N, C-alpha and C. Protein backbone atom coordinates (compact mmCIF):
# COMPACT_ATOMS: atom_id res chain seq x y z
N MET A 1 -9.24 -33.27 -2.06
CA MET A 1 -10.24 -32.48 -1.36
C MET A 1 -11.54 -32.55 -2.16
N THR A 2 -12.63 -32.77 -1.47
CA THR A 2 -13.93 -32.81 -2.13
C THR A 2 -14.59 -31.44 -2.06
N ASP A 3 -15.63 -31.23 -2.89
CA ASP A 3 -16.36 -29.97 -2.85
C ASP A 3 -16.91 -29.72 -1.46
N ALA A 4 -17.40 -30.76 -0.80
CA ALA A 4 -17.96 -30.60 0.54
C ALA A 4 -16.87 -30.18 1.53
N HIS A 5 -15.65 -30.66 1.31
CA HIS A 5 -14.54 -30.32 2.23
C HIS A 5 -14.14 -28.86 2.08
N VAL A 6 -14.15 -28.33 0.87
CA VAL A 6 -13.69 -26.96 0.65
C VAL A 6 -14.77 -25.93 0.96
N GLU A 7 -16.03 -26.34 0.95
CA GLU A 7 -17.12 -25.38 1.17
C GLU A 7 -16.97 -24.56 2.44
N PRO A 8 -16.64 -25.15 3.59
CA PRO A 8 -16.47 -24.33 4.79
C PRO A 8 -15.31 -23.34 4.67
N LEU A 9 -14.33 -23.66 3.84
CA LEU A 9 -13.19 -22.77 3.67
C LEU A 9 -13.51 -21.57 2.78
N LEU A 10 -14.58 -21.65 1.97
CA LEU A 10 -14.90 -20.55 1.07
C LEU A 10 -15.20 -19.26 1.83
N GLY A 11 -15.91 -19.35 2.93
CA GLY A 11 -16.21 -18.15 3.72
C GLY A 11 -14.95 -17.49 4.23
N VAL A 12 -14.04 -18.29 4.71
CA VAL A 12 -12.76 -17.77 5.20
C VAL A 12 -11.98 -17.18 4.02
N TYR A 13 -12.01 -17.85 2.89
CA TYR A 13 -11.30 -17.38 1.69
C TYR A 13 -11.82 -16.02 1.23
N VAL A 14 -13.13 -15.87 1.15
CA VAL A 14 -13.68 -14.60 0.65
C VAL A 14 -13.43 -13.46 1.63
N LEU A 15 -13.17 -13.78 2.88
CA LEU A 15 -12.82 -12.75 3.87
C LEU A 15 -11.31 -12.53 3.94
N ASP A 16 -10.57 -13.20 3.05
CA ASP A 16 -9.10 -13.11 3.01
C ASP A 16 -8.46 -13.47 4.34
N ALA A 17 -8.98 -14.51 4.99
CA ALA A 17 -8.44 -14.88 6.30
C ALA A 17 -8.20 -16.38 6.46
N PRO A 18 -7.77 -17.09 5.40
CA PRO A 18 -7.57 -18.53 5.57
C PRO A 18 -6.33 -18.84 6.41
N ARG A 19 -6.35 -20.00 7.02
CA ARG A 19 -5.18 -20.46 7.79
C ARG A 19 -4.04 -20.71 6.81
N ALA A 20 -2.87 -20.90 7.34
CA ALA A 20 -1.70 -21.16 6.50
C ALA A 20 -1.99 -22.33 5.57
N GLY A 21 -1.76 -22.15 4.30
CA GLY A 21 -2.00 -23.20 3.32
C GLY A 21 -3.44 -23.30 2.86
N GLY A 22 -4.35 -22.71 3.60
CA GLY A 22 -5.77 -22.80 3.26
C GLY A 22 -6.11 -22.08 1.97
N LYS A 23 -5.50 -20.93 1.75
CA LYS A 23 -5.80 -20.16 0.55
C LYS A 23 -5.38 -20.95 -0.69
N ALA A 24 -4.20 -21.53 -0.67
CA ALA A 24 -3.73 -22.32 -1.81
C ALA A 24 -4.65 -23.51 -2.05
N GLU A 25 -5.12 -24.12 -0.98
CA GLU A 25 -6.05 -25.25 -1.07
C GLU A 25 -7.33 -24.83 -1.80
N VAL A 26 -7.89 -23.70 -1.38
CA VAL A 26 -9.14 -23.22 -1.97
C VAL A 26 -8.92 -22.78 -3.42
N VAL A 27 -7.85 -22.04 -3.67
CA VAL A 27 -7.57 -21.57 -5.03
C VAL A 27 -7.41 -22.77 -5.96
N SER A 28 -6.72 -23.78 -5.52
CA SER A 28 -6.54 -24.99 -6.32
C SER A 28 -7.88 -25.64 -6.63
N ARG A 29 -8.71 -25.75 -5.62
CA ARG A 29 -10.02 -26.38 -5.81
C ARG A 29 -10.91 -25.54 -6.72
N LEU A 30 -10.85 -24.22 -6.58
CA LEU A 30 -11.65 -23.35 -7.45
C LEU A 30 -11.25 -23.54 -8.91
N GLY A 31 -9.98 -23.83 -9.15
CA GLY A 31 -9.50 -24.06 -10.50
C GLY A 31 -9.99 -25.36 -11.10
N ARG A 32 -10.38 -26.31 -10.26
CA ARG A 32 -10.79 -27.63 -10.74
C ARG A 32 -12.28 -27.91 -10.62
N SER A 33 -13.00 -27.11 -9.86
CA SER A 33 -14.39 -27.46 -9.56
C SER A 33 -15.36 -26.35 -9.91
N GLY A 34 -16.21 -26.62 -10.87
CA GLY A 34 -17.26 -25.67 -11.23
C GLY A 34 -18.23 -25.43 -10.08
N VAL A 35 -18.46 -26.45 -9.27
CA VAL A 35 -19.36 -26.33 -8.12
C VAL A 35 -18.80 -25.29 -7.15
N CYS A 36 -17.51 -25.38 -6.88
CA CYS A 36 -16.87 -24.43 -5.95
C CYS A 36 -16.84 -23.03 -6.54
N ARG A 37 -16.51 -22.93 -7.83
CA ARG A 37 -16.49 -21.61 -8.48
C ARG A 37 -17.87 -20.96 -8.44
N ALA A 38 -18.90 -21.75 -8.65
CA ALA A 38 -20.26 -21.21 -8.62
C ALA A 38 -20.66 -20.78 -7.21
N ALA A 39 -20.18 -21.48 -6.21
CA ALA A 39 -20.54 -21.17 -4.82
C ALA A 39 -19.79 -19.95 -4.29
N CYS A 40 -18.61 -19.68 -4.80
CA CYS A 40 -17.76 -18.62 -4.25
C CYS A 40 -18.44 -17.24 -4.25
N PRO A 41 -19.02 -16.76 -5.36
CA PRO A 41 -19.67 -15.45 -5.31
C PRO A 41 -20.85 -15.41 -4.34
N GLU A 42 -21.56 -16.52 -4.24
CA GLU A 42 -22.70 -16.59 -3.31
C GLU A 42 -22.22 -16.47 -1.87
N VAL A 43 -21.14 -17.16 -1.56
CA VAL A 43 -20.57 -17.09 -0.21
C VAL A 43 -20.02 -15.69 0.06
N ALA A 44 -19.38 -15.09 -0.96
CA ALA A 44 -18.84 -13.73 -0.80
C ALA A 44 -19.96 -12.73 -0.54
N ASP A 45 -21.07 -12.87 -1.24
CA ASP A 45 -22.20 -11.97 -1.02
C ASP A 45 -22.77 -12.14 0.39
N ALA A 46 -22.86 -13.38 0.85
CA ALA A 46 -23.38 -13.63 2.20
C ALA A 46 -22.43 -13.05 3.25
N ALA A 47 -21.12 -13.21 3.05
CA ALA A 47 -20.15 -12.65 3.99
C ALA A 47 -20.22 -11.14 3.99
N ALA A 48 -20.37 -10.54 2.81
CA ALA A 48 -20.47 -9.08 2.71
C ALA A 48 -21.73 -8.59 3.42
N ALA A 49 -22.84 -9.29 3.23
CA ALA A 49 -24.09 -8.90 3.87
C ALA A 49 -23.97 -8.99 5.39
N ALA A 50 -23.30 -10.04 5.85
CA ALA A 50 -23.12 -10.21 7.30
C ALA A 50 -22.25 -9.09 7.87
N ALA A 51 -21.33 -8.57 7.05
CA ALA A 51 -20.45 -7.50 7.50
C ALA A 51 -21.06 -6.12 7.21
N GLY A 52 -22.27 -6.10 6.63
CA GLY A 52 -22.93 -4.84 6.37
C GLY A 52 -22.39 -4.10 5.16
N ARG A 53 -21.75 -4.84 4.24
CA ARG A 53 -21.20 -4.26 3.02
C ARG A 53 -22.04 -4.69 1.82
N PRO A 54 -22.00 -3.93 0.72
CA PRO A 54 -22.67 -4.39 -0.50
C PRO A 54 -21.97 -5.62 -1.04
N GLY A 55 -22.59 -6.30 -2.00
CA GLY A 55 -22.09 -7.55 -2.60
C GLY A 55 -20.59 -7.67 -2.65
N GLY A 56 -20.11 -8.87 -2.36
CA GLY A 56 -18.68 -9.07 -2.30
C GLY A 56 -18.17 -10.11 -3.26
N GLY A 57 -18.94 -10.53 -4.28
CA GLY A 57 -18.53 -11.58 -5.21
C GLY A 57 -17.11 -11.38 -5.69
N ARG A 58 -16.27 -12.34 -5.42
CA ARG A 58 -14.84 -12.26 -5.75
C ARG A 58 -14.64 -12.34 -7.21
C-alpha cells in the first residue's frame, strides 16, 4: 500500500468507521510511514471540525 492509497482511508479511520480489514491496513501503514503518521492528526482535526467538535487528533 502506498501513502497515496492509504490517505483516503485516514478519514474513515479517524472516525472509527473503516470497512472490514481497513483499520488493520491503516494501522499497519501508520507504523511504517512518517507521511501517514503526520497526516493523521490533520485529517482527524478536519473530521472533527466537519462534525462540529473540537480538535480530534488521534
